[in-house]
Protein backbone atom coordinates (compact mmCIF):
# COMPACT_ATOMS: atom_id res chain seq x y z
CA MET A 1 81.90 64.21 160.13
CA SER A 2 80.57 64.67 156.60
CA ASP A 3 79.47 62.45 153.76
CA LEU A 4 80.26 64.93 150.99
CA PRO A 5 83.81 65.35 149.69
CA LEU A 6 84.74 69.00 150.22
CA ASP A 7 85.89 69.43 146.62
CA ARG A 8 82.27 68.73 145.60
CA ALA A 9 80.63 70.87 148.28
CA ILE A 10 78.43 73.64 146.90
CA PHE A 11 78.24 76.58 149.30
CA ARG A 12 75.37 79.08 149.02
CA LYS A 13 75.19 82.67 150.15
CA SER A 14 71.86 84.02 151.38
CA SER A 15 69.98 86.22 148.93
CA HIS A 16 69.55 88.63 151.89
CA SER A 17 73.30 89.25 151.93
CA GLU A 18 73.63 90.87 148.50
CA GLY A 19 75.91 93.88 148.79
CA ALA A 20 76.68 93.21 152.45
CA ASN A 21 80.25 92.88 153.72
CA GLY A 22 79.79 90.40 156.58
CA CYS A 23 78.56 87.40 154.63
CA VAL A 24 78.82 83.71 155.29
CA GLU A 25 78.04 80.77 153.03
CA ALA A 26 76.51 77.45 154.05
CA CYS A 27 76.52 73.96 152.60
CA VAL A 28 74.67 70.73 153.46
CA SER A 29 77.00 67.78 153.97
CA GLY A 30 75.29 64.66 155.26
CA SER A 31 73.60 65.60 158.54
CA HIS A 32 75.95 68.57 159.07
CA ARG A 33 75.92 72.15 157.85
CA LEU A 34 79.24 73.67 156.86
CA VAL A 35 79.64 77.43 157.27
CA ARG A 36 82.47 79.58 155.89
CA ASP A 37 83.40 83.22 155.33
CA SER A 38 82.41 84.20 151.79
CA LYS A 39 85.36 86.60 151.54
CA ASN A 40 87.83 83.84 152.44
CA PRO A 41 86.46 80.55 151.07
CA ASP A 42 89.81 78.77 151.43
CA GLY A 43 90.18 79.84 155.07
CA GLY A 44 88.34 76.87 156.55
CA PHE A 45 84.81 76.24 157.74
CA LEU A 46 82.74 75.38 160.78
CA SER A 47 80.85 72.08 160.84
CA LEU A 48 77.58 72.24 162.78
CA GLY A 49 75.46 69.25 163.74
CA PRO A 50 71.67 69.41 163.47
CA GLY A 51 71.09 70.78 166.99
CA ALA A 52 73.77 73.46 166.74
CA TRP A 53 72.54 74.52 163.27
CA ALA A 54 68.93 74.79 164.49
CA ALA A 55 70.03 76.86 167.50
CA LEU A 56 72.14 79.19 165.34
CA VAL A 57 69.34 79.78 162.82
CA SER A 58 66.86 80.43 165.64
CA GLU A 59 69.19 82.95 167.29
CA ILE A 60 69.84 84.71 163.98
CA LYS A 61 66.09 85.02 163.36
CA GLN A 62 65.64 86.45 166.88
CA GLY A 63 68.27 89.13 166.19
CA THR A 64 70.77 87.80 168.72
CA TYR A 65 73.72 88.64 166.47
CA ASP A 66 72.45 91.92 165.00
CA PHE A 67 74.91 94.77 165.32
CA ASP A 68 73.86 97.84 167.22
CA GLU A 69 74.15 100.68 164.69
CA ALA A 70 75.44 103.00 167.44
CA ARG A 71 78.67 100.99 167.86
C-alpha cells in the first residue's frame, strides 16, 4: 500500500479548517493519500489511490459534501 512508514508520516490539516470542528488531515505516502480524523489521530486512516483521491477532491470542490445549514 504505502512506501512511507506510518511513524514517519506527516499529516497536514487544511488552512481552511482553522477553528472548524469537522476536520480531517491528509498525508502523501508513495502514490497514496492517507486521510484521518484530526480529533482522533490514533483512530486509523483511509488510504486512497490516485483516482479515488482525485475524485474526492473534485467532489469536495463542487460542494458535494457541504452540509445544509437548515439541518
